[in-house]
């Protein structure tokens, strides 16, 4: 299991955001003992995508940040979007990055 020592400042931002805007999801992940691995995976995937967009594709940082953090990090409020397009419990930090055009 990933410990909080493995979290970067982005990981802590993700944890705070999920706790505030997706408390039922956080409770379910905690019950499954999957919260910290999911946060770690979201952190790593977001960082990788941000790198891909800014360094490899030369995208403006602010635009890349908006795209990258929307994917796994700063998820929509549970009230606005109860179901996500993915299960955070199954996030893998080594999974392929999504195809994003911009």
PDB file of N, CA and C in Angstrom:
ATOM      1  N   UNK A   1       0.835  -1.187   0.000  1.00  0.00           N
ATOM      2  CA  UNK A   1       0.000   0.000   0.000  1.00  0.00           C
ATOM      3  C   UNK A   1       0.876   1.247   0.000  1.00  0.00           C
ATOM      4  N   UNK A   2       0.487   2.236  -0.757  1.00  0.00           N
ATOM      5  CA  UNK A   2       1.204   3.501  -0.774  1.00  0.00           C
ATOM      6  C   UNK A   2       0.922   4.256   0.514  1.00  0.00           C
ATOM      7  N   UNK A   3       1.950   4.783   1.097  1.00  0.00           N
ATOM      8  CA  UNK A   3       1.799   5.570   2.312  1.00  0.00           C
ATOM      9  C   UNK A   3       1.790   7.044   1.939  1.00  0.00           C
ATOM     10  N   UNK A   4       1.394   7.880   2.882  1.00  0.00           N
ATOM     11  CA  UNK A   4       1.365   9.315   2.604  1.00  0.00           C
ATOM     12  C   UNK A   4       2.760   9.859   2.339  1.00  0.00           C
ATOM     13  N   UNK A   5       3.816   9.144   2.741  1.00  0.00           N
ATOM     14  CA  UNK A   5       5.189   9.586   2.453  1.00  0.00           C
ATOM     15  C   UNK A   5       5.456   9.623   0.956  1.00  0.00           C
ATOM     16  N   UNK A   6       4.689   8.864   0.184  1.00  0.00           N
ATOM     17  CA  UNK A   6       4.875   8.796  -1.260  1.00  0.00           C
ATOM     18  C   UNK A   6       4.151   9.918  -1.994  1.00  0.00           C
ATOM     19  N   UNK A   7       3.351  10.692  -1.264  1.00  0.00           N
ATOM     20  CA  UNK A   7       2.577  11.738  -1.919  1.00  0.00           C
ATOM     21  C   UNK A   7       3.396  13.011  -2.089  1.00  0.00           C
ATOM     22  N   UNK A   8       3.212  13.609  -3.241  1.00  0.00           N
ATOM     23  CA  UNK A   8       3.799  14.915  -3.530  1.00  0.00           C
ATOM     24  C   UNK A   8       2.776  15.968  -3.111  1.00  0.00           C
ATOM     25  N   UNK A   9       3.112  17.248  -3.210  1.00  0.00           N
ATOM     26  CA  UNK A   9       2.091  18.268  -2.943  1.00  0.00           C
ATOM     27  C   UNK A   9       0.838  18.066  -3.807  1.00  0.00           C
ATOM     28  N   UNK A  10       1.011  17.627  -5.050  1.00  0.00           N
ATOM     29  CA  UNK A  10      -0.145  17.346  -5.898  1.00  0.00           C
ATOM     30  C   UNK A  10      -0.993  16.234  -5.295  1.00  0.00           C
ATOM     31  N   UNK A  11      -0.364  15.204  -4.782  1.00  0.00           N
ATOM     32  CA  UNK A  11      -1.100  14.108  -4.155  1.00  0.00           C
ATOM     33  C   UNK A  11      -1.937  14.588  -2.982  1.00  0.00           C
ATOM     34  N   UNK A  12      -1.384  15.475  -2.183  1.00  0.00           N
ATOM     35  CA  UNK A  12      -2.147  16.023  -1.056  1.00  0.00           C
ATOM     36  C   UNK A  12      -3.303  16.897  -1.552  1.00  0.00           C
ATOM     37  N   UNK A  13      -3.095  17.622  -2.641  1.00  0.00           N
ATOM     38  CA  UNK A  13      -4.188  18.408  -3.232  1.00  0.00           C
ATOM     39  C   UNK A  13      -5.303  17.486  -3.724  1.00  0.00           C
ATOM     40  N   UNK A  14      -4.926  16.370  -4.349  1.00  0.00           N
ATOM     41  CA  UNK A  14      -5.912  15.399  -4.819  1.00  0.00           C
ATOM     42  C   UNK A  14      -6.697  14.838  -3.638  1.00  0.00           C
ATOM     43  N   UNK A  15      -6.000  14.449  -2.592  1.00  0.00           N
ATOM     44  CA  UNK A  15      -6.657  13.908  -1.398  1.00  0.00           C
ATOM     45  C   UNK A  15      -7.638  14.927  -0.817  1.00  0.00           C
ATOM     46  N   UNK A  16      -7.222  16.157  -0.712  1.00  0.00           N
ATOM     47  CA  UNK A  16      -8.098  17.205  -0.182  1.00  0.00           C
ATOM     48  C   UNK A  16      -9.316  17.406  -1.088  1.00  0.00           C
ATOM     49  N   UNK A  17      -9.074  17.455  -2.397  1.00  0.00           N
ATOM     50  CA  UNK A  17     -10.166  17.664  -3.353  1.00  0.00           C
ATOM     51  C   UNK A  17     -11.165  16.510  -3.304  1.00  0.00           C
ATOM     52  N   UNK A  18     -10.665  15.289  -3.371  1.00  0.00           N
ATOM     53  CA  UNK A  18     -11.552  14.123  -3.329  1.00  0.00           C
ATOM     54  C   UNK A  18     -12.341  14.091  -2.025  1.00  0.00           C
ATOM     55  N   UNK A  19     -11.675  14.396  -0.910  1.00  0.00           N
ATOM     56  CA  UNK A  19     -12.357  14.370   0.394  1.00  0.00           C
ATOM     57  C   UNK A  19     -13.477  15.394   0.449  1.00  0.00           C
ATOM     58  N   UNK A  20     -13.267  16.539  -0.159  1.00  0.00           N
ATOM     59  CA  UNK A  20     -14.268  17.600  -0.140  1.00  0.00           C
ATOM     60  C   UNK A  20     -15.405  17.347  -1.136  1.00  0.00           C
ATOM     61  N   UNK A  21     -15.046  16.950  -2.362  1.00  0.00           N
ATOM     62  CA  UNK A  21     -16.043  16.879  -3.430  1.00  0.00           C
ATOM     63  C   UNK A  21     -16.566  15.477  -3.735  1.00  0.00           C
ATOM     64  N   UNK A  22     -15.877  14.448  -3.251  1.00  0.00           N
ATOM     65  CA  UNK A  22     -16.334  13.077  -3.506  1.00  0.00           C
ATOM     66  C   UNK A  22     -16.235  12.254  -2.221  1.00  0.00           C
ATOM     67  N   UNK A  23     -16.899  12.718  -1.151  1.00  0.00           N
ATOM     68  CA  UNK A  23     -16.753  12.029   0.141  1.00  0.00           C
ATOM     69  C   UNK A  23     -17.253  10.586   0.138  1.00  0.00           C
ATOM     70  N   UNK A  24     -18.302  10.285  -0.618  1.00  0.00           N
ATOM     71  CA  UNK A  24     -18.783   8.895  -0.669  1.00  0.00           C
ATOM     72  C   UNK A  24     -17.755   7.997  -1.357  1.00  0.00           C
ATOM     73  N   UNK A  25     -17.141   8.498  -2.402  1.00  0.00           N
ATOM     74  CA  UNK A  25     -16.105   7.739  -3.093  1.00  0.00           C
ATOM     75  C   UNK A  25     -14.914   7.502  -2.156  1.00  0.00           C
ATOM     76  N   UNK A  26     -14.516   8.542  -1.428  1.00  0.00           N
ATOM     77  CA  UNK A  26     -13.406   8.414  -0.481  1.00  0.00           C
ATOM     78  C   UNK A  26     -13.748   7.390   0.599  1.00  0.00           C
ATOM     79  N   UNK A  27     -14.977   7.415   1.106  1.00  0.00           N
ATOM     80  CA  UNK A  27     -15.389   6.445   2.120  1.00  0.00           C
ATOM     81  C   UNK A  27     -15.342   5.021   1.568  1.00  0.00           C
ATOM     82  N   UNK A  28     -15.809   4.839   0.334  1.00  0.00           N
ATOM     83  CA  UNK A  28     -15.791   3.505  -0.279  1.00  0.00           C
ATOM     84  C   UNK A  28     -14.358   3.026  -0.505  1.00  0.00           C
ATOM     85  N   UNK A  29     -13.504   3.910  -1.011  1.00  0.00           N
ATOM     86  CA  UNK A  29     -12.110   3.531  -1.225  1.00  0.00           C
ATOM     87  C   UNK A  29     -11.410   3.228   0.094  1.00  0.00           C
ATOM     88  N   UNK A  30     -11.716   3.991   1.121  1.00  0.00           N
ATOM     89  CA  UNK A  30     -11.128   3.754   2.442  1.00  0.00           C
ATOM     90  C   UNK A  30     -11.565   2.395   2.970  1.00  0.00           C
ATOM     91  N   UNK A  31     -12.842   2.063   2.817  1.00  0.00           N
ATOM     92  CA  UNK A  31     -13.364   0.771   3.276  1.00  0.00           C
ATOM     93  C   UNK A  31     -12.695  -0.395   2.559  1.00  0.00           C
ATOM     94  N   UNK A  32     -12.314  -0.169   1.300  1.00  0.00           N
ATOM     95  CA  UNK A  32     -11.640  -1.207   0.503  1.00  0.00           C
ATOM     96  C   UNK A  32     -10.126  -1.179   0.704  1.00  0.00           C
ATOM     97  N   UNK A  33      -9.651  -0.261   1.538  1.00  0.00           N
ATOM     98  CA  UNK A  33      -8.210  -0.060   1.748  1.00  0.00           C
ATOM     99  C   UNK A  33      -7.517   0.299   0.429  1.00  0.00           C
ATOM    100  N   UNK A  34      -8.208   1.092  -0.407  1.00  0.00           N
ATOM    101  CA  UNK A  34      -7.685   1.471  -1.724  1.00  0.00           C
ATOM    102  C   UNK A  34      -7.513   2.981  -1.890  1.00  0.00           C
ATOM    103  N   UNK A  35      -7.795   3.768  -0.846  1.00  0.00           N
ATOM    104  CA  UNK A  35      -7.721   5.218  -1.004  1.00  0.00           C
ATOM    105  C   UNK A  35      -6.313   5.686  -1.346  1.00  0.00           C
ATOM    106  N   UNK A  36      -5.331   5.318  -0.542  1.00  0.00           N
ATOM    107  CA  UNK A  36      -3.983   5.827  -0.794  1.00  0.00           C
ATOM    108  C   UNK A  36      -3.400   5.310  -2.115  1.00  0.00           C
ATOM    109  N   UNK A  37      -3.588   4.039  -2.475  1.00  0.00           N
ATOM    110  CA  UNK A  37      -3.121   3.622  -3.797  1.00  0.00           C
ATOM    111  C   UNK A  37      -3.803   4.391  -4.929  1.00  0.00           C
ATOM    112  N   UNK A  38      -5.084   4.694  -4.783  1.00  0.00           N
ATOM    113  CA  UNK A  38      -5.796   5.454  -5.820  1.00  0.00           C
ATOM    114  C   UNK A  38      -5.274   6.881  -5.901  1.00  0.00           C
ATOM    115  N   UNK A  39      -5.033   7.509  -4.757  1.00  0.00           N
ATOM    116  CA  UNK A  39      -4.480   8.867  -4.738  1.00  0.00           C
ATOM    117  C   UNK A  39      -3.097   8.865  -5.377  1.00  0.00           C
ATOM    118  N   UNK A  40      -2.271   7.886  -5.012  1.00  0.00           N
ATOM    119  CA  UNK A  40      -0.926   7.795  -5.575  1.00  0.00           C
ATOM    120  C   UNK A  40      -0.985   7.617  -7.091  1.00  0.00           C
ATOM    121  N   UNK A  41      -1.857   6.745  -7.553  1.00  0.00           N
ATOM    122  CA  UNK A  41      -1.982   6.513  -8.997  1.00  0.00           C
ATOM    123  C   UNK A  41      -2.453   7.780  -9.705  1.00  0.00           C
ATOM    124  N   UNK A  42      -3.445   8.462  -9.138  1.00  0.00           N
ATOM    125  CA  UNK A  42      -3.941   9.708  -9.741  1.00  0.00           C
ATOM    126  C   UNK A  42      -2.828  10.758  -9.794  1.00  0.00           C
ATOM    127  N   UNK A  43      -2.043  10.837  -8.746  1.00  0.00           N
ATOM    128  CA  UNK A  43      -0.910  11.760  -8.701  1.00  0.00           C
ATOM    129  C   UNK A  43       0.104  11.449  -9.801  1.00  0.00           C
ATOM    130  N   UNK A  44       0.468  10.199  -9.928  1.00  0.00           N
ATOM    131  CA  UNK A  44       1.482   9.802 -10.913  1.00  0.00           C
ATOM    132  C   UNK A  44       0.967   9.963 -12.339  1.00  0.00           C
ATOM    133  N   UNK A  45      -0.268   9.567 -12.579  1.00  0.00           N
ATOM    134  CA  UNK A  45      -0.842   9.708 -13.917  1.00  0.00           C
ATOM    135  C   UNK A  45      -0.968  11.179 -14.311  1.00  0.00           C
ATOM    136  N   UNK A  46      -1.402  12.001 -13.375  1.00  0.00           N
ATOM    137  CA  UNK A  46      -1.534  13.435 -13.650  1.00  0.00           C
ATOM    138  C   UNK A  46      -0.175  14.040 -13.950  1.00  0.00           C
ATOM    139  N   UNK A  47       0.822  13.704 -13.170  1.00  0.00           N
ATOM    140  CA  UNK A  47       2.176  14.218 -13.396  1.00  0.00           C
ATOM    141  C   UNK A  47       2.726  13.762 -14.740  1.00  0.00           C
ATOM    142  N   UNK A  48       2.501  12.511 -15.076  1.00  0.00           N
ATOM    143  CA  UNK A  48       2.978  11.983 -16.365  1.00  0.00           C
ATOM    144  C   UNK A  48       2.299  12.677 -17.532  1.00  0.00           C
ATOM    145  N   UNK A  49       0.993  12.872 -17.414  1.00  0.00           N
ATOM    146  CA  UNK A  49       0.265  13.546 -18.487  1.00  0.00           C
ATOM    147  C   UNK A  49       0.700  15.000 -18.602  1.00  0.00           C
ATOM    148  N   UNK A  50       0.907  15.657 -17.497  1.00  0.00           N
ATOM    149  CA  UNK A  50       1.374  17.037 -17.522  1.00  0.00           C
ATOM    150  C   UNK A  50       2.740  17.133 -18.206  1.00  0.00           C
ATOM    151  N   UNK A  51       3.620  16.214 -17.894  1.00  0.00           N
ATOM    152  CA  UNK A  51       4.932  16.165 -18.545  1.00  0.00           C
ATOM    153  C   UNK A  51       4.779  15.946 -20.049  1.00  0.00           C
ATOM    154  N   UNK A  52       3.953  14.977 -20.423  1.00  0.00           N
ATOM    155  CA  UNK A  52       3.731  14.666 -21.837  1.00  0.00           C
ATOM    156  C   UNK A  52       3.223  15.889 -22.596  1.00  0.00           C
ATOM    157  N   UNK A  53       2.258  16.580 -21.997  1.00  0.00           N
ATOM    158  CA  UNK A  53       1.663  17.727 -22.677  1.00  0.00           C
ATOM    159  C   UNK A  53       2.604  18.924 -22.762  1.00  0.00           C
ATOM    160  N   UNK A  54       3.349  19.192 -21.696  1.00  0.00           N
ATOM    161  CA  UNK A  54       4.196  20.392 -21.691  1.00  0.00           C
ATOM    162  C   UNK A  54       5.553  20.168 -22.355  1.00  0.00           C
ATOM    163  N   UNK A  55       6.161  19.038 -22.106  1.00  0.00           N
ATOM    164  CA  UNK A  55       7.519  18.803 -22.628  1.00  0.00           C
ATOM    165  C   UNK A  55       7.481  18.180 -24.019  1.00  0.00           C
ATOM    166  N   UNK A  56       6.747  17.083 -24.151  1.00  0.00           N
ATOM    167  CA  UNK A  56       6.730  16.381 -25.436  1.00  0.00           C
ATOM    168  C   UNK A  56       5.916  17.122 -26.495  1.00  0.00           C
ATOM    169  N   UNK A  57       4.782  17.670 -26.088  1.00  0.00           N
ATOM    170  CA  UNK A  57       3.912  18.339 -27.065  1.00  0.00           C
ATOM    171  C   UNK A  57       4.036  19.861 -27.064  1.00  0.00           C
ATOM    172  N   UNK A  58       4.832  20.385 -26.146  1.00  0.00           N
ATOM    173  CA  UNK A  58       5.082  21.838 -26.079  1.00  0.00           C
ATOM    174  C   UNK A  58       3.808  22.661 -25.874  1.00  0.00           C
ATOM    175  N   UNK A  59       2.863  22.108 -25.127  1.00  0.00           N
ATOM    176  CA  UNK A  59       1.613  22.815 -24.848  1.00  0.00           C
ATOM    177  C   UNK A  59       1.850  23.860 -23.759  1.00  0.00           C
ATOM    178  N   UNK A  60       1.110  24.941 -23.814  1.00  0.00           N
ATOM    179  CA  UNK A  60       1.144  25.961 -22.782  1.00  0.00           C
ATOM    180  C   UNK A  60       0.871  25.292 -21.430  1.00  0.00           C
ATOM    181  N   UNK A  61       1.644  25.673 -20.401  1.00  0.00           N
ATOM    182  CA  UNK A  61       1.544  25.006 -19.104  1.00  0.00           C
ATOM    183  C   UNK A  61       0.143  25.102 -18.519  1.00  0.00           C
ATOM    184  N   UNK A  62      -0.462  26.280 -18.539  1.00  0.00           N
ATOM    185  CA  UNK A  62      -1.782  26.435 -17.921  1.00  0.00           C
ATOM    186  C   UNK A  62      -2.831  25.550 -18.599  1.00  0.00           C
ATOM    187  N   UNK A  63      -2.796  25.502 -19.917  1.00  0.00           N
ATOM    188  CA  UNK A  63      -3.738  24.645 -20.635  1.00  0.00           C
ATOM    189  C   UNK A  63      -3.471  23.173 -20.313  1.00  0.00           C
ATOM    190  N   UNK A  64      -2.206  22.792 -20.274  1.00  0.00           N
ATOM    191  CA  UNK A  64      -1.841  21.413 -19.945  1.00  0.00           C
ATOM    192  C   UNK A  64      -2.283  21.060 -18.526  1.00  0.00           C
ATOM    193  N   UNK A  65      -2.099  21.983 -17.595  1.00  0.00           N
ATOM    194  CA  UNK A  65      -2.518  21.766 -16.205  1.00  0.00           C
ATOM    195  C   UNK A  65      -4.022  21.520 -16.135  1.00  0.00           C
ATOM    196  N   UNK A  66      -4.790  22.349 -16.829  1.00  0.00           N
ATOM    197  CA  UNK A  66      -6.250  22.195 -16.829  1.00  0.00           C
ATOM    198  C   UNK A  66      -6.659  20.820 -17.372  1.00  0.00           C
ATOM    199  N   UNK A  67      -6.063  20.412 -18.467  1.00  0.00           N
ATOM    200  CA  UNK A  67      -6.393  19.114 -19.066  1.00  0.00           C
ATOM    201  C   UNK A  67      -5.953  17.953 -18.179  1.00  0.00           C
ATOM    202  N   UNK A  68      -4.725  18.025 -17.684  1.00  0.00           N
ATOM    203  CA  UNK A  68      -4.171  16.918 -16.907  1.00  0.00           C
ATOM    204  C   UNK A  68      -4.893  16.725 -15.580  1.00  0.00           C
ATOM    205  N   UNK A  69      -5.193  17.813 -14.885  1.00  0.00           N
ATOM    206  CA  UNK A  69      -5.820  17.668 -13.573  1.00  0.00           C
ATOM    207  C   UNK A  69      -7.294  17.278 -13.677  1.00  0.00           C
ATOM    208  N   UNK A  70      -7.927  17.599 -14.788  1.00  0.00           N
ATOM    209  CA  UNK A  70      -9.334  17.233 -14.974  1.00  0.00           C
ATOM    210  C   UNK A  70      -9.496  15.726 -15.173  1.00  0.00           C
ATOM    211  N   UNK A  71      -8.465  15.080 -15.670  1.00  0.00           N
ATOM    212  CA  UNK A  71      -8.525  13.663 -16.026  1.00  0.00           C
ATOM    213  C   UNK A  71      -8.696  12.758 -14.795  1.00  0.00           C
ATOM    214  N   UNK A  72      -7.830  12.885 -13.777  1.00  0.00           N
ATOM    215  CA  UNK A  72      -7.871  12.003 -12.603  1.00  0.00           C
ATOM    216  C   UNK A  72      -7.816  12.744 -11.276  1.00  0.00           C
ATOM    217  N   UNK A  73      -7.284  13.950 -11.255  1.00  0.00           N
ATOM    218  CA  UNK A  73      -6.993  14.619  -9.991  1.00  0.00           C
ATOM    219  C   UNK A  73      -8.197  15.355  -9.412  1.00  0.00           C
ATOM    220  N   UNK A  74      -8.660  16.361 -10.111  1.00  0.00           N
ATOM    221  CA  UNK A  74      -9.715  17.216  -9.580  1.00  0.00           C
ATOM    222  C   UNK A  74     -11.047  16.813 -10.198  1.00  0.00           C
ATOM    223  N   UNK A  75     -11.581  15.744  -9.650  1.00  0.00           N
ATOM    224  CA  UNK A  75     -12.795  15.122 -10.173  1.00  0.00           C
ATOM    225  C   UNK A  75     -14.021  15.981  -9.872  1.00  0.00           C
ATOM    226  N   UNK A  76     -15.077  15.842 -10.685  1.00  0.00           N
ATOM    227  CA  UNK A  76     -16.288  16.623 -10.449  1.00  0.00           C
ATOM    228  C   UNK A  76     -16.977  16.223  -9.144  1.00  0.00           C
ATOM    229  N   UNK A  77     -17.748  17.137  -8.621  1.00  0.00           N
ATOM    230  CA  UNK A  77     -18.515  16.925  -7.400  1.00  0.00           C
ATOM    231  C   UNK A  77     -19.458  15.737  -7.578  1.00  0.00           C
ATOM    232  N   UNK A  78     -19.606  14.950  -6.521  1.00  0.00           N
ATOM    233  CA  UNK A  78     -20.508  13.793  -6.566  1.00  0.00           C
ATOM    234  C   UNK A  78     -21.948  14.190  -6.863  1.00  0.00           C
ATOM    235  N   UNK A  79     -22.344  15.362  -6.419  1.00  0.00           N
ATOM    236  CA  UNK A  79     -23.707  15.827  -6.674  1.00  0.00           C
ATOM    237  C   UNK A  79     -23.915  16.120  -8.159  1.00  0.00           C
ATOM    238  N   UNK A  80     -22.894  16.657  -8.814  1.00  0.00           N
ATOM    239  CA  UNK A  80     -22.984  16.996 -10.234  1.00  0.00           C
ATOM    240  C   UNK A  80     -22.801  15.786 -11.137  1.00  0.00           C
ATOM    241  N   UNK A  81     -21.919  14.875 -10.746  1.00  0.00           N
ATOM    242  CA  UNK A  81     -21.628  13.691 -11.556  1.00  0.00           C
ATOM    243  C   UNK A  81     -21.410  12.500 -10.628  1.00  0.00           C
ATOM    244  N   UNK A  82     -22.500  11.820 -10.257  1.00  0.00           N
ATOM    245  CA  UNK A  82     -22.381  10.707  -9.311  1.00  0.00           C
ATOM    246  C   UNK A  82     -21.487   9.565  -9.810  1.00  0.00           C
ATOM    247  N   UNK A  83     -21.542   9.279 -11.109  1.00  0.00           N
ATOM    248  CA  UNK A  83     -20.753   8.181 -11.681  1.00  0.00           C
ATOM    249  C   UNK A  83     -19.589   8.737 -12.495  1.00  0.00           C
ATOM    250  N   UNK A  84     -18.413   8.192 -12.262  1.00  0.00           N
ATOM    251  CA  UNK A  84     -17.239   8.562 -13.057  1.00  0.00           C
ATOM    252  C   UNK A  84     -17.109   7.611 -14.235  1.00  0.00           C
ATOM    253  N   UNK A  85     -16.305   7.993 -15.203  1.00  0.00           N
ATOM    254  CA  UNK A  85     -16.083   7.134 -16.365  1.00  0.00           C
ATOM    255  C   UNK A  85     -15.047   6.041 -16.073  1.00  0.00           C
ATOM    256  N   UNK A  86     -14.497   6.034 -14.864  1.00  0.00           N
ATOM    257  CA  UNK A  86     -13.515   5.032 -14.461  1.00  0.00           C
ATOM    258  C   UNK A  86     -13.714   4.737 -12.976  1.00  0.00           C
ATOM    259  N   UNK A  87     -13.142   3.632 -12.532  1.00  0.00           N
ATOM    260  CA  UNK A  87     -13.191   3.267 -11.120  1.00  0.00           C
ATOM    261  C   UNK A  87     -11.850   3.650 -10.498  1.00  0.00           C
ATOM    262  N   UNK A  88     -11.837   4.626  -9.587  1.00  0.00           N
ATOM    263  CA  UNK A  88     -10.569   5.050  -8.988  1.00  0.00           C
ATOM    264  C   UNK A  88      -9.818   3.917  -8.285  1.00  0.00           C
ATOM    265  N   UNK A  89     -10.529   2.892  -7.842  1.00  0.00           N
ATOM    266  CA  UNK A  89      -9.876   1.762  -7.174  1.00  0.00           C
ATOM    267  C   UNK A  89      -8.994   0.976  -8.133  1.00  0.00           C
ATOM    268  N   UNK A  90      -9.234   1.113  -9.440  1.00  0.00           N
ATOM    269  CA  UNK A  90      -8.461   0.342 -10.414  1.00  0.00           C
ATOM    270  C   UNK A  90      -7.393   1.176 -11.122  1.00  0.00           C
ATOM    271  N   UNK A  91      -7.207   2.423 -10.691  1.00  0.00           N
ATOM    272  CA  UNK A  91      -6.163   3.233 -11.332  1.00  0.00           C
ATOM    273  C   UNK A  91      -4.801   2.579 -11.136  1.00  0.00           C
ATOM    274  N   UNK A  92      -4.021   2.614 -12.187  1.00  0.00           N
ATOM    275  CA  UNK A  92      -2.671   2.048 -12.172  1.00  0.00           C
ATOM    276  C   UNK A  92      -1.725   3.145 -12.640  1.00  0.00           C
ATOM    277  N   UNK A  93      -0.715   3.493 -11.829  1.00  0.00           N
ATOM    278  CA  UNK A  93       0.183   4.571 -12.239  1.00  0.00           C
ATOM    279  C   UNK A  93       0.926   4.292 -13.541  1.00  0.00           C
ATOM    280  N   UNK A  94       0.920   3.045 -14.001  1.00  0.00           N
ATOM    281  CA  UNK A  94       1.617   2.683 -15.235  1.00  0.00           C
ATOM    282  C   UNK A  94       0.677   2.478 -16.419  1.00  0.00           C
ATOM    283  N   UNK A  95      -0.604   2.775 -16.222  1.00  0.00           N
ATOM    284  CA  UNK A  95      -1.544   2.588 -17.341  1.00  0.00           C
ATOM    285  C   UNK A  95      -1.258   3.603 -18.425  1.00  0.00           C
ATOM    286  N   UNK A  96      -1.688   3.311 -19.664  1.00  0.00           N
ATOM    287  CA  UNK A  96      -1.456   4.251 -20.760  1.00  0.00           C
ATOM    288  C   UNK A  96      -2.172   5.568 -20.505  1.00  0.00           C
ATOM    289  N   UNK A  97      -1.550   6.639 -20.971  1.00  0.00           N
ATOM    290  CA  UNK A  97      -2.156   7.967 -20.857  1.00  0.00           C
ATOM    291  C   UNK A  97      -3.219   8.114 -21.936  1.00  0.00           C
ATOM    292  N   UNK A  98      -4.233   8.926 -21.677  1.00  0.00           N
ATOM    293  CA  UNK A  98      -5.288   9.109 -22.669  1.00  0.00           C
ATOM    294  C   UNK A  98      -4.782   9.921 -23.860  1.00  0.00           C
ATOM    295  N   UNK A  99      -5.430   9.758 -24.974  1.00  0.00           N
ATOM    296  CA  UNK A  99      -5.104  10.560 -26.159  1.00  0.00           C
ATOM    297  C   UNK A  99      -5.811  11.906 -26.008  1.00  0.00           C
ATOM    298  N   UNK A 100      -5.032  12.941 -25.840  1.00  0.00           N
ATOM    299  CA  UNK A 100      -5.584  14.295 -25.678  1.00  0.00           C
ATOM    300  C   UNK A 100      -5.055  15.155 -26.805  1.00  0.00           C
ATOM    301  N   UNK A 101      -5.950  15.815 -27.478  1.00  0.00           N
ATOM    302  CA  UNK A 101      -5.542  16.720 -28.540  1.00  0.00           C
ATOM    303  C   UNK A 101      -5.627  18.144 -28.030  1.00  0.00           C
ATOM    304  N   UNK A 102      -4.740  18.955 -28.508  1.00  0.00           N
ATOM    305  CA  UNK A 102      -4.787  20.341 -28.063  1.00  0.00           C
ATOM    306  C   UNK A 102      -3.699  21.157 -28.671  1.00  0.00           C
TER     307      UNK A 102
END
